[in-house]
mmCIF file of all heavy atoms, coordinates in Angstrom:
data_MODEL
# 
_entry.id   MODEL 
# 
loop_
_atom_site.group_PDB 
_atom_site.id 
_atom_site.type_symbol 
_atom_site.label_atom_id 
_atom_site.label_alt_id 
_atom_site.label_comp_id 
_atom_site.label_asym_id 
_atom_site.label_entity_id 
_atom_site.label_seq_id 
_atom_site.pdbx_PDB_ins_code 
_atom_site.Cartn_x 
_atom_site.Cartn_y 
_atom_site.Cartn_z 
_atom_site.occupancy 
_atom_site.B_iso_or_equiv 
_atom_site.pdbx_formal_charge 
_atom_site.auth_seq_id 
_atom_site.auth_comp_id 
_atom_site.auth_asym_id 
_atom_site.auth_atom_id 
_atom_site.pdbx_PDB_model_num 
ATOM 1   N N   . ASP A 1 1  ? -31.726 9.282  11.926 1.00 0.00 ? 1  ASP A N   1 
ATOM 2   C CA  . ASP A 1 1  ? -31.235 10.451 12.602 1.00 0.00 ? 1  ASP A CA  1 
ATOM 3   C C   . ASP A 1 1  ? -31.518 10.326 14.127 1.00 0.00 ? 1  ASP A C   1 
ATOM 4   O O   . ASP A 1 1  ? -32.650 10.061 14.492 1.00 0.00 ? 1  ASP A O   1 
ATOM 5   C CB  . ASP A 1 1  ? -31.984 11.666 12.023 1.00 0.00 ? 1  ASP A CB  1 
ATOM 6   C CG  . ASP A 1 1  ? -31.442 13.002 12.453 1.00 0.00 ? 1  ASP A CG  1 
ATOM 7   O OD1 . ASP A 1 1  ? -30.597 13.037 13.396 1.00 0.00 ? 1  ASP A OD1 1 
ATOM 8   O OD2 . ASP A 1 1  ? -31.822 13.996 11.863 1.00 0.00 ? 1  ASP A OD2 1 
ATOM 9   N N   . GLY A 1 2  ? -30.465 10.491 14.890 1.00 0.00 ? 2  GLY A N   1 
ATOM 10  C CA  . GLY A 1 2  ? -30.669 10.498 16.356 1.00 0.00 ? 2  GLY A CA  1 
ATOM 11  C C   . GLY A 1 2  ? -30.978 9.203  17.027 1.00 0.00 ? 2  GLY A C   1 
ATOM 12  O O   . GLY A 1 2  ? -31.446 9.154  18.164 1.00 0.00 ? 2  GLY A O   1 
ATOM 13  N N   . ALA A 1 3  ? -30.625 8.099  16.386 1.00 0.00 ? 3  ALA A N   1 
ATOM 14  C CA  . ALA A 1 3  ? -30.912 6.769  16.947 1.00 0.00 ? 3  ALA A CA  1 
ATOM 15  C C   . ALA A 1 3  ? -30.154 6.490  18.227 1.00 0.00 ? 3  ALA A C   1 
ATOM 16  O O   . ALA A 1 3  ? -30.645 5.744  19.104 1.00 0.00 ? 3  ALA A O   1 
ATOM 17  C CB  . ALA A 1 3  ? -30.580 5.655  15.931 1.00 0.00 ? 3  ALA A CB  1 
ATOM 18  N N   . PHE A 1 4  ? -29.008 7.095  18.430 1.00 0.00 ? 4  PHE A N   1 
ATOM 19  C CA  . PHE A 1 4  ? -28.172 6.901  19.629 1.00 0.00 ? 4  PHE A CA  1 
ATOM 20  C C   . PHE A 1 4  ? -27.703 8.239  20.194 1.00 0.00 ? 4  PHE A C   1 
ATOM 21  O O   . PHE A 1 4  ? -27.705 9.257  19.439 1.00 0.00 ? 4  PHE A O   1 
ATOM 22  C CB  . PHE A 1 4  ? -26.951 6.058  19.281 1.00 0.00 ? 4  PHE A CB  1 
ATOM 23  C CG  . PHE A 1 4  ? -27.322 4.604  18.955 1.00 0.00 ? 4  PHE A CG  1 
ATOM 24  C CD1 . PHE A 1 4  ? -27.590 4.241  17.658 1.00 0.00 ? 4  PHE A CD1 1 
ATOM 25  C CD2 . PHE A 1 4  ? -27.424 3.691  19.918 1.00 0.00 ? 4  PHE A CD2 1 
ATOM 26  C CE1 . PHE A 1 4  ? -27.954 2.963  17.317 1.00 0.00 ? 4  PHE A CE1 1 
ATOM 27  C CE2 . PHE A 1 4  ? -27.781 2.364  19.653 1.00 0.00 ? 4  PHE A CE2 1 
ATOM 28  C CZ  . PHE A 1 4  ? -28.045 1.999  18.376 1.00 0.00 ? 4  PHE A CZ  1 
ATOM 29  N N   . ASP A 1 5  ? -27.343 8.229  21.454 1.00 0.00 ? 5  ASP A N   1 
ATOM 30  C CA  . ASP A 1 5  ? -26.733 9.411  22.068 1.00 0.00 ? 5  ASP A CA  1 
ATOM 31  C C   . ASP A 1 5  ? -25.268 9.525  21.697 1.00 0.00 ? 5  ASP A C   1 
ATOM 32  O O   . ASP A 1 5  ? -24.791 10.596 21.397 1.00 0.00 ? 5  ASP A O   1 
ATOM 33  C CB  . ASP A 1 5  ? -26.943 9.338  23.578 1.00 0.00 ? 5  ASP A CB  1 
ATOM 34  C CG  . ASP A 1 5  ? -28.416 9.311  23.976 1.00 0.00 ? 5  ASP A CG  1 
ATOM 35  O OD1 . ASP A 1 5  ? -29.151 10.202 23.524 1.00 0.00 ? 5  ASP A OD1 1 
ATOM 36  O OD2 . ASP A 1 5  ? -28.795 8.441  24.741 1.00 0.00 ? 5  ASP A OD2 1 
ATOM 37  N N   . VAL A 1 6  ? -24.561 8.387  21.888 1.00 0.00 ? 6  VAL A N   1 
ATOM 38  C CA  . VAL A 1 6  ? -23.096 8.356  21.634 1.00 0.00 ? 6  VAL A CA  1 
ATOM 39  C C   . VAL A 1 6  ? -22.782 7.172  20.792 1.00 0.00 ? 6  VAL A C   1 
ATOM 40  O O   . VAL A 1 6  ? -23.320 6.052  21.011 1.00 0.00 ? 6  VAL A O   1 
ATOM 41  C CB  . VAL A 1 6  ? -22.336 8.232  23.015 1.00 0.00 ? 6  VAL A CB  1 
ATOM 42  C CG1 . VAL A 1 6  ? -20.891 8.085  22.790 1.00 0.00 ? 6  VAL A CG1 1 
ATOM 43  C CG2 . VAL A 1 6  ? -22.630 9.424  23.901 1.00 0.00 ? 6  VAL A CG2 1 
ATOM 44  N N   . ALA A 1 7  ? -21.930 7.359  19.827 1.00 0.00 ? 7  ALA A N   1 
ATOM 45  C CA  . ALA A 1 7  ? -21.484 6.228  18.958 1.00 0.00 ? 7  ALA A CA  1 
ATOM 46  C C   . ALA A 1 7  ? -19.949 6.232  18.903 1.00 0.00 ? 7  ALA A C   1 
ATOM 47  O O   . ALA A 1 7  ? -19.313 7.278  18.779 1.00 0.00 ? 7  ALA A O   1 
ATOM 48  C CB  . ALA A 1 7  ? -22.018 6.349  17.546 1.00 0.00 ? 7  ALA A CB  1 
ATOM 49  N N   . PHE A 1 8  ? -19.380 5.007  19.045 1.00 0.00 ? 8  PHE A N   1 
ATOM 50  C CA  . PHE A 1 8  ? -17.960 4.774  18.950 1.00 0.00 ? 8  PHE A CA  1 
ATOM 51  C C   . PHE A 1 8  ? -17.726 3.958  17.672 1.00 0.00 ? 8  PHE A C   1 
ATOM 52  O O   . PHE A 1 8  ? -18.517 3.038  17.373 1.00 0.00 ? 8  PHE A O   1 
ATOM 53  C CB  . PHE A 1 8  ? -17.426 3.945  20.103 1.00 0.00 ? 8  PHE A CB  1 
ATOM 54  C CG  . PHE A 1 8  ? -17.698 4.509  21.477 1.00 0.00 ? 8  PHE A CG  1 
ATOM 55  C CD1 . PHE A 1 8  ? -18.615 3.901  22.270 1.00 0.00 ? 8  PHE A CD1 1 
ATOM 56  C CD2 . PHE A 1 8  ? -17.057 5.633  21.925 1.00 0.00 ? 8  PHE A CD2 1 
ATOM 57  C CE1 . PHE A 1 8  ? -18.880 4.346  23.546 1.00 0.00 ? 8  PHE A CE1 1 
ATOM 58  C CE2 . PHE A 1 8  ? -17.299 6.112  23.200 1.00 0.00 ? 8  PHE A CE2 1 
ATOM 59  C CZ  . PHE A 1 8  ? -18.226 5.467  24.019 1.00 0.00 ? 8  PHE A CZ  1 
ATOM 60  N N   . ALA A 1 9  ? -16.693 4.244  16.981 1.00 0.00 ? 9  ALA A N   1 
ATOM 61  C CA  . ALA A 1 9  ? -16.256 3.460  15.808 1.00 0.00 ? 9  ALA A CA  1 
ATOM 62  C C   . ALA A 1 9  ? -14.777 3.223  15.894 1.00 0.00 ? 9  ALA A C   1 
ATOM 63  O O   . ALA A 1 9  ? -14.028 4.198  15.939 1.00 0.00 ? 9  ALA A O   1 
ATOM 64  C CB  . ALA A 1 9  ? -16.669 4.075  14.519 1.00 0.00 ? 9  ALA A CB  1 
ATOM 65  N N   . ASP A 1 10 ? -14.328 1.985  15.912 1.00 0.00 ? 10 ASP A N   1 
ATOM 66  C CA  . ASP A 1 10 ? -12.910 1.630  15.967 1.00 0.00 ? 10 ASP A CA  1 
ATOM 67  C C   . ASP A 1 10 ? -12.676 0.593  14.886 1.00 0.00 ? 10 ASP A C   1 
ATOM 68  O O   . ASP A 1 10 ? -12.386 -0.542 15.166 1.00 0.00 ? 10 ASP A O   1 
ATOM 69  C CB  . ASP A 1 10 ? -12.544 1.099  17.367 1.00 0.00 ? 10 ASP A CB  1 
ATOM 70  C CG  . ASP A 1 10 ? -11.082 0.827  17.490 1.00 0.00 ? 10 ASP A CG  1 
ATOM 71  O OD1 . ASP A 1 10 ? -10.328 1.211  16.598 1.00 0.00 ? 10 ASP A OD1 1 
ATOM 72  O OD2 . ASP A 1 10 ? -10.691 0.183  18.489 1.00 0.00 ? 10 ASP A OD2 1 
ATOM 73  N N   . PRO A 1 11 ? -12.751 1.022  13.615 1.00 0.00 ? 11 PRO A N   1 
ATOM 74  C CA  . PRO A 1 11 ? -12.602 0.085  12.474 1.00 0.00 ? 11 PRO A CA  1 
ATOM 75  C C   . PRO A 1 11 ? -11.124 -0.276 12.265 1.00 0.00 ? 11 PRO A C   1 
ATOM 76  O O   . PRO A 1 11 ? -10.201 0.425  12.729 1.00 0.00 ? 11 PRO A O   1 
ATOM 77  C CB  . PRO A 1 11 ? -13.154 0.852  11.312 1.00 0.00 ? 11 PRO A CB  1 
ATOM 78  C CG  . PRO A 1 11 ? -12.881 2.284  11.636 1.00 0.00 ? 11 PRO A CG  1 
ATOM 79  C CD  . PRO A 1 11 ? -13.048 2.382  13.154 1.00 0.00 ? 11 PRO A CD  1 
ATOM 80  N N   . PRO A 1 12 ? -10.897 -1.366 11.542 1.00 0.00 ? 12 PRO A N   1 
ATOM 81  C CA  . PRO A 1 12 ? -9.533  -1.686 11.099 1.00 0.00 ? 12 PRO A CA  1 
ATOM 82  C C   . PRO A 1 12 ? -8.976  -0.478 10.347 1.00 0.00 ? 12 PRO A C   1 
ATOM 83  O O   . PRO A 1 12 ? -9.672  0.198  9.597  1.00 0.00 ? 12 PRO A O   1 
ATOM 84  C CB  . PRO A 1 12 ? -9.699  -2.871 10.170 1.00 0.00 ? 12 PRO A CB  1 
ATOM 85  C CG  . PRO A 1 12 ? -11.013 -3.488 10.544 1.00 0.00 ? 12 PRO A CG  1 
ATOM 86  C CD  . PRO A 1 12 ? -11.863 -2.315 11.010 1.00 0.00 ? 12 PRO A CD  1 
ATOM 87  N N   . TYR A 1 13 ? -7.685  -0.215 10.585 1.00 0.00 ? 13 TYR A N   1 
ATOM 88  C CA  . TYR A 1 13 ? -7.046  0.929  9.889  1.00 0.00 ? 13 TYR A CA  1 
ATOM 89  C C   . TYR A 1 13 ? -6.796  0.617  8.431  1.00 0.00 ? 13 TYR A C   1 
ATOM 90  O O   . TYR A 1 13 ? -6.787  -0.540 8.006  1.00 0.00 ? 13 TYR A O   1 
ATOM 91  C CB  . TYR A 1 13 ? -5.692  1.206  10.540 1.00 0.00 ? 13 TYR A CB  1 
ATOM 92  C CG  . TYR A 1 13 ? -5.728  1.789  11.930 1.00 0.00 ? 13 TYR A CG  1 
ATOM 93  C CD1 . TYR A 1 13 ? -4.581  2.037  12.627 1.00 0.00 ? 13 TYR A CD1 1 
ATOM 94  C CD2 . TYR A 1 13 ? -6.918  2.159  12.547 1.00 0.00 ? 13 TYR A CD2 1 
ATOM 95  C CE1 . TYR A 1 13 ? -4.572  2.605  13.904 1.00 0.00 ? 13 TYR A CE1 1 
ATOM 96  C CE2 . TYR A 1 13 ? -6.944  2.703  13.804 1.00 0.00 ? 13 TYR A CE2 1 
ATOM 97  C CZ  . TYR A 1 13 ? -5.758  2.912  14.457 1.00 0.00 ? 13 TYR A CZ  1 
ATOM 98  O OH  . TYR A 1 13 ? -5.773  3.500  15.745 1.00 0.00 ? 13 TYR A OH  1 
ATOM 99  N N   . ALA A 1 14 ? -6.606  1.680  7.636  1.00 0.00 ? 14 ALA A N   1 
ATOM 100 C CA  . ALA A 1 14 ? -6.133  1.633  6.246  1.00 0.00 ? 14 ALA A CA  1 
ATOM 101 C C   . ALA A 1 14 ? -7.084  0.857  5.309  1.00 0.00 ? 14 ALA A C   1 
ATOM 102 O O   . ALA A 1 14 ? -6.651  0.315  4.315  1.00 0.00 ? 14 ALA A O   1 
ATOM 103 C CB  . ALA A 1 14 ? -4.727  1.020  6.158  1.00 0.00 ? 14 ALA A CB  1 
ATOM 104 N N   . GLN A 1 15 ? -8.379  0.861  5.633  1.00 0.00 ? 15 GLN A N   1 
ATOM 105 C CA  . GLN A 1 15 ? -9.340  0.255  4.719  1.00 0.00 ? 15 GLN A CA  1 
ATOM 106 C C   . GLN A 1 15 ? -10.448 1.214  4.315  1.00 0.00 ? 15 GLN A C   1 
ATOM 107 O O   . GLN A 1 15 ? -11.380 0.814  3.618  1.00 0.00 ? 15 GLN A O   1 
ATOM 108 C CB  . GLN A 1 15 ? -9.949  -1.003 5.394  1.00 0.00 ? 15 GLN A CB  1 
ATOM 109 C CG  . GLN A 1 15 ? -8.979  -2.079 5.664  1.00 0.00 ? 15 GLN A CG  1 
ATOM 110 C CD  . GLN A 1 15 ? -9.605  -3.326 6.314  1.00 0.00 ? 15 GLN A CD  1 
ATOM 111 O OE1 . GLN A 1 15 ? -10.824 -3.557 6.189  1.00 0.00 ? 15 GLN A OE1 1 
ATOM 112 N NE2 . GLN A 1 15 ? -8.808  -4.126 6.912  1.00 0.00 ? 15 GLN A NE2 1 
ATOM 113 N N   . GLY A 1 16 ? -10.330 2.460  4.742  1.00 0.00 ? 16 GLY A N   1 
ATOM 114 C CA  . GLY A 1 16 ? -11.307 3.489  4.409  1.00 0.00 ? 16 GLY A CA  1 
ATOM 115 C C   . GLY A 1 16 ? -12.603 3.366  5.203  1.00 0.00 ? 16 GLY A C   1 
ATOM 116 O O   . GLY A 1 16 ? -13.538 4.117  4.959  1.00 0.00 ? 16 GLY A O   1 
ATOM 117 N N   . LEU A 1 17 ? -12.664 2.512  6.226  1.00 0.00 ? 17 LEU A N   1 
ATOM 118 C CA  . LEU A 1 17 ? -13.880 2.305  6.985  1.00 0.00 ? 17 LEU A CA  1 
ATOM 119 C C   . LEU A 1 17 ? -14.167 3.460  7.946  1.00 0.00 ? 17 LEU A C   1 
ATOM 120 O O   . LEU A 1 17 ? -15.306 3.858  8.098  1.00 0.00 ? 17 LEU A O   1 
ATOM 121 C CB  . LEU A 1 17 ? -13.779 1.004  7.729  1.00 0.00 ? 17 LEU A CB  1 
ATOM 122 C CG  . LEU A 1 17 ? -13.647 -0.270 6.854  1.00 0.00 ? 17 LEU A CG  1 
ATOM 123 C CD1 . LEU A 1 17 ? -13.366 -1.525 7.721  1.00 0.00 ? 17 LEU A CD1 1 
ATOM 124 C CD2 . LEU A 1 17 ? -14.870 -0.460 5.976  1.00 0.00 ? 17 LEU A CD2 1 
ATOM 125 N N   . ALA A 1 18 ? -13.181 4.052  8.491  1.00 0.00 ? 18 ALA A N   1 
ATOM 126 C CA  . ALA A 1 18 ? -13.359 5.213  9.377  1.00 0.00 ? 18 ALA A CA  1 
ATOM 127 C C   . ALA A 1 18 ? -13.980 6.368  8.572  1.00 0.00 ? 18 ALA A C   1 
ATOM 128 O O   . ALA A 1 18 ? -14.946 6.968  9.036  1.00 0.00 ? 18 ALA A O   1 
ATOM 129 C CB  . ALA A 1 18 ? -12.012 5.651  9.957  1.00 0.00 ? 18 ALA A CB  1 
ATOM 130 N N   . GLN A 1 19 ? -13.487 6.580  7.363  1.00 0.00 ? 19 GLN A N   1 
ATOM 131 C CA  . GLN A 1 19 ? -14.042 7.619  6.536  1.00 0.00 ? 19 GLN A CA  1 
ATOM 132 C C   . GLN A 1 19 ? -15.535 7.319  6.140  1.00 0.00 ? 19 GLN A C   1 
ATOM 133 O O   . GLN A 1 19 ? -16.348 8.195  6.109  1.00 0.00 ? 19 GLN A O   1 
ATOM 134 C CB  . GLN A 1 19 ? -13.180 7.821  5.275  1.00 0.00 ? 19 GLN A CB  1 
ATOM 135 C CG  . GLN A 1 19 ? -11.807 8.297  5.585  1.00 0.00 ? 19 GLN A CG  1 
ATOM 136 C CD  . GLN A 1 19 ? -10.775 7.195  5.910  1.00 0.00 ? 19 GLN A CD  1 
ATOM 137 O OE1 . GLN A 1 19 ? -11.176 6.063  6.168  1.00 0.00 ? 19 GLN A OE1 1 
ATOM 138 N NE2 . GLN A 1 19 ? -9.510  7.567  5.924  1.00 0.00 ? 19 GLN A NE2 1 
ATOM 139 N N   . ARG A 1 20 ? -15.799 6.063  5.844  1.00 0.00 ? 20 ARG A N   1 
ATOM 140 C CA  . ARG A 1 20 ? -17.157 5.686  5.456  1.00 0.00 ? 20 ARG A CA  1 
ATOM 141 C C   . ARG A 1 20 ? -18.141 5.932  6.584  1.00 0.00 ? 20 ARG A C   1 
ATOM 142 O O   . ARG A 1 20 ? -19.265 6.444  6.346  1.00 0.00 ? 20 ARG A O   1 
ATOM 143 C CB  . ARG A 1 20 ? -17.220 4.211  5.039  1.00 0.00 ? 20 ARG A CB  1 
ATOM 144 C CG  . ARG A 1 20 ? -16.678 3.989  3.649  1.00 0.00 ? 20 ARG A CG  1 
ATOM 145 C CD  . ARG A 1 20 ? -16.782 2.543  3.203  1.00 0.00 ? 20 ARG A CD  1 
ATOM 146 N NE  . ARG A 1 20 ? -18.170 2.070  3.133  1.00 0.00 ? 20 ARG A NE  1 
ATOM 147 C CZ  . ARG A 1 20 ? -18.459 0.821  2.846  1.00 0.00 ? 20 ARG A CZ  1 
ATOM 148 N NH1 . ARG A 1 20 ? -17.532 -0.081 2.654  1.00 0.00 ? 20 ARG A NH1 1 
ATOM 149 N NH2 . ARG A 1 20 ? -19.744 0.476  2.803  1.00 0.00 ? 20 ARG A NH2 1 
ATOM 150 N N   . VAL A 1 21 ? -17.769 5.511  7.796  1.00 0.00 ? 21 VAL A N   1 
ATOM 151 C CA  . VAL A 1 21 ? -18.670 5.793  8.944  1.00 0.00 ? 21 VAL A CA  1 
ATOM 152 C C   . VAL A 1 21 ? -18.866 7.276  9.163  1.00 0.00 ? 21 VAL A C   1 
ATOM 153 O O   . VAL A 1 21 ? -20.051 7.717  9.370  1.00 0.00 ? 21 VAL A O   1 
ATOM 154 C CB  . VAL A 1 21 ? -18.135 5.094  10.178 1.00 0.00 ? 21 VAL A CB  1 
ATOM 155 C CG1 . VAL A 1 21 ? -18.925 5.519  11.434 1.00 0.00 ? 21 VAL A CG1 1 
ATOM 156 C CG2 . VAL A 1 21 ? -18.193 3.571  10.049 1.00 0.00 ? 21 VAL A CG2 1 
ATOM 157 N N   . ALA A 1 22 ? -17.789 8.044  9.105  1.00 0.00 ? 22 ALA A N   1 
ATOM 158 C CA  . ALA A 1 22 ? -17.917 9.485  9.278  1.00 0.00 ? 22 ALA A CA  1 
ATOM 159 C C   . ALA A 1 22 ? -18.791 10.151 8.206  1.00 0.00 ? 22 ALA A C   1 
ATOM 160 O O   . ALA A 1 22 ? -19.645 11.002 8.551  1.00 0.00 ? 22 ALA A O   1 
ATOM 161 C CB  . ALA A 1 22 ? -16.525 10.126 9.335  1.00 0.00 ? 22 ALA A CB  1 
ATOM 162 N N   . LYS A 1 23 ? -18.591 9.731  6.960  1.00 0.00 ? 23 LYS A N   1 
ATOM 163 C CA  . LYS A 1 23 ? -19.395 10.284 5.894  1.00 0.00 ? 23 LYS A CA  1 
ATOM 164 C C   . LYS A 1 23 ? -20.901 9.950  6.083  1.00 0.00 ? 23 LYS A C   1 
ATOM 165 O O   . LYS A 1 23 ? -21.753 10.835 5.857  1.00 0.00 ? 23 LYS A O   1 
ATOM 166 C CB  . LYS A 1 23 ? -18.923 9.755  4.542  1.00 0.00 ? 23 LYS A CB  1 
ATOM 167 C CG  . LYS A 1 23 ? -17.638 10.394 4.062  1.00 0.00 ? 23 LYS A CG  1 
ATOM 168 C CD  . LYS A 1 23 ? -17.170 9.846  2.755  1.00 0.00 ? 23 LYS A CD  1 
ATOM 169 C CE  . LYS A 1 23 ? -15.823 10.378 2.370  1.00 0.00 ? 23 LYS A CE  1 
ATOM 170 N NZ  . LYS A 1 23 ? -15.249 9.767  1.177  1.00 0.00 ? 23 LYS A NZ  1 
ATOM 171 N N   . ARG A 1 24 ? -21.186 8.759  6.490  1.00 0.00 ? 24 ARG A N   1 
ATOM 172 C CA  . ARG A 1 24 ? -22.571 8.364  6.742  1.00 0.00 ? 24 ARG A CA  1 
ATOM 173 C C   . ARG A 1 24 ? -23.142 9.227  7.882  1.00 0.00 ? 24 ARG A C   1 
ATOM 174 O O   . ARG A 1 24 ? -24.243 9.710  7.828  1.00 0.00 ? 24 ARG A O   1 
ATOM 175 C CB  . ARG A 1 24 ? -22.690 6.898  7.117  1.00 0.00 ? 24 ARG A CB  1 
ATOM 176 C CG  . ARG A 1 24 ? -24.093 6.436  7.522  1.00 0.00 ? 24 ARG A CG  1 
ATOM 177 C CD  . ARG A 1 24 ? -25.046 6.638  6.408  1.00 0.00 ? 24 ARG A CD  1 
ATOM 178 N NE  . ARG A 1 24 ? -26.392 6.192  6.832  1.00 0.00 ? 24 ARG A NE  1 
ATOM 179 C CZ  . ARG A 1 24 ? -27.503 6.481  6.240  1.00 0.00 ? 24 ARG A CZ  1 
ATOM 180 N NH1 . ARG A 1 24 ? -27.494 7.179  5.081  1.00 0.00 ? 24 ARG A NH1 1 
ATOM 181 N NH2 . ARG A 1 24 ? -28.670 6.074  6.679  1.00 0.00 ? 24 ARG A NH2 1 
ATOM 182 N N   . TRP A 1 25 ? -22.359 9.452  8.957  1.00 0.00 ? 25 TRP A N   1 
ATOM 183 C CA  . TRP A 1 25 ? -22.806 10.263 10.053 1.00 0.00 ? 25 TRP A CA  1 
ATOM 184 C C   . TRP A 1 25 ? -23.091 11.738 9.569  1.00 0.00 ? 25 TRP A C   1 
ATOM 185 O O   . TRP A 1 25 ? -24.071 12.349 9.978  1.00 0.00 ? 25 TRP A O   1 
ATOM 186 C CB  . TRP A 1 25 ? -21.844 10.307 11.178 1.00 0.00 ? 25 TRP A CB  1 
ATOM 187 C CG  . TRP A 1 25 ? -22.369 11.055 12.383 1.00 0.00 ? 25 TRP A CG  1 
ATOM 188 C CD1 . TRP A 1 25 ? -23.042 10.538 13.441 1.00 0.00 ? 25 TRP A CD1 1 
ATOM 189 C CD2 . TRP A 1 25 ? -22.232 12.422 12.647 1.00 0.00 ? 25 TRP A CD2 1 
ATOM 190 N NE1 . TRP A 1 25 ? -23.382 11.504 14.329 1.00 0.00 ? 25 TRP A NE1 1 
ATOM 191 C CE2 . TRP A 1 25 ? -22.857 12.702 13.837 1.00 0.00 ? 25 TRP A CE2 1 
ATOM 192 C CE3 . TRP A 1 25 ? -21.604 13.493 11.979 1.00 0.00 ? 25 TRP A CE3 1 
ATOM 193 C CZ2 . TRP A 1 25 ? -22.930 13.972 14.423 1.00 0.00 ? 25 TRP A CZ2 1 
ATOM 194 C CZ3 . TRP A 1 25 ? -21.669 14.754 12.498 1.00 0.00 ? 25 TRP A CZ3 1 
ATOM 195 C CH2 . TRP A 1 25 ? -22.338 15.011 13.741 1.00 0.00 ? 25 TRP A CH2 1 
ATOM 196 N N   . LEU A 1 26 ? -22.280 12.276 8.663  1.00 0.00 ? 26 LEU A N   1 
ATOM 197 C CA  . LEU A 1 26 ? -22.459 13.561 8.188  1.00 0.00 ? 26 LEU A CA  1 
ATOM 198 C C   . LEU A 1 26 ? -23.734 13.654 7.323  1.00 0.00 ? 26 LEU A C   1 
ATOM 199 O O   . LEU A 1 26 ? -24.410 14.716 7.307  1.00 0.00 ? 26 LEU A O   1 
ATOM 200 C CB  . LEU A 1 26 ? -21.243 14.046 7.374  1.00 0.00 ? 26 LEU A CB  1 
ATOM 201 C CG  . LEU A 1 26 ? -19.997 14.316 8.180  1.00 0.00 ? 26 LEU A CG  1 
ATOM 202 C CD1 . LEU A 1 26 ? -18.753 14.442 7.262  1.00 0.00 ? 26 LEU A CD1 1 
ATOM 203 C CD2 . LEU A 1 26 ? -20.177 15.585 9.053  1.00 0.00 ? 26 LEU A CD2 1 
ATOM 204 N N   . GLU A 1 27 ? -24.110 12.563 6.667  1.00 0.00 ? 27 GLU A N   1 
ATOM 205 C CA  . GLU A 1 27 ? -25.339 12.502 5.904  1.00 0.00 ? 27 GLU A CA  1 
ATOM 206 C C   . GLU A 1 27 ? -26.562 12.357 6.796  1.00 0.00 ? 27 GLU A C   1 
ATOM 207 O O   . GLU A 1 27 ? -27.583 13.010 6.636  1.00 0.00 ? 27 GLU A O   1 
ATOM 208 C CB  . GLU A 1 27 ? -25.343 11.331 4.925  1.00 0.00 ? 27 GLU A CB  1 
ATOM 209 C CG  . GLU A 1 27 ? -24.310 11.399 3.853  1.00 0.00 ? 27 GLU A CG  1 
ATOM 210 C CD  . GLU A 1 27 ? -24.111 10.118 3.102  1.00 0.00 ? 27 GLU A CD  1 
ATOM 211 O OE1 . GLU A 1 27 ? -24.758 9.086  3.448  1.00 0.00 ? 27 GLU A OE1 1 
ATOM 212 O OE2 . GLU A 1 27 ? -23.275 10.036 2.169  1.00 0.00 ? 27 GLU A OE2 1 
# 
């Protein structure tokens, strides 16, 4: 929790990776 101030994620499209990163951030 709180390891960074700002995080960017630009994963390959259509592989569900954007959703995985967002779900992890929500957790």
